[in-house]
């Protein structure tokens, strides 16, 4: 590792007491210039 965050090298047990979150979005909206945009929706279940 060390590409973007130099000196950051977690070990496999680094997450044992929390610190990592899993986020499951229902939708994502992205745009570069208005008024156009892209939207992705993800089914829950």
Protein backbone atom coordinates (compact mmCIF):
# COMPACT_ATOMS: atom_id res chain seq x y z
CA UNK A 1 0.00 0.00 0.00
CA UNK A 2 1.20 3.56 0.48
CA UNK A 3 0.10 5.08 -2.83
CA UNK A 4 -2.29 7.83 -1.77
CA UNK A 5 -1.82 7.73 2.02
CA UNK A 6 1.88 7.33 2.66
CA UNK A 7 2.66 5.61 5.93
CA UNK A 8 -0.82 4.07 6.25
CA UNK A 9 -0.36 0.31 6.38
CA UNK A 10 -3.15 -1.39 8.38
CA UNK A 11 -2.76 -4.95 9.58
CA UNK A 12 -5.54 -7.58 9.42
CA UNK A 13 -6.42 -7.01 13.10
CA UNK A 14 -6.68 -3.22 12.71
CA UNK A 15 -10.48 -3.45 12.35
CA UNK A 16 -11.21 -5.70 15.35
CA UNK A 17 -12.55 -2.87 17.52
CA UNK A 18 -14.47 -0.97 14.84
CA UNK A 19 -13.23 1.66 12.48
CA UNK A 20 -14.63 0.23 9.28
CA UNK A 21 -18.14 0.98 8.11
CA UNK A 22 -20.16 -0.57 5.33
CA UNK A 23 -22.45 1.88 3.56
CA UNK A 24 -25.15 0.63 1.22
CA UNK A 25 -26.65 3.57 -0.71
CA UNK A 26 -30.17 3.41 -2.06
CA UNK A 27 -29.25 5.68 -4.94
CA UNK A 28 -26.31 7.63 -6.35
CA UNK A 29 -26.53 10.89 -8.26
CA UNK A 30 -23.57 12.17 -10.31
CA UNK A 31 -23.21 15.15 -12.61
CA UNK A 32 -20.53 17.07 -14.41
CA UNK A 33 -22.54 19.97 -15.81
CA UNK A 34 -26.13 20.92 -15.10
CA UNK A 35 -28.89 20.29 -16.12
CA UNK A 36 -27.87 16.73 -17.06
CA UNK A 37 -27.10 14.08 -14.49
CA UNK A 38 -26.89 10.32 -14.03
CA UNK A 39 -28.77 8.40 -11.36
CA UNK A 40 -28.30 4.82 -10.27
CA UNK A 41 -30.80 3.15 -7.95
CA UNK A 42 -30.02 -0.03 -6.03
CA UNK A 43 -32.73 -2.41 -4.87
CA UNK A 44 -32.87 -3.10 -1.16
CA UNK A 45 -33.31 -6.57 0.05
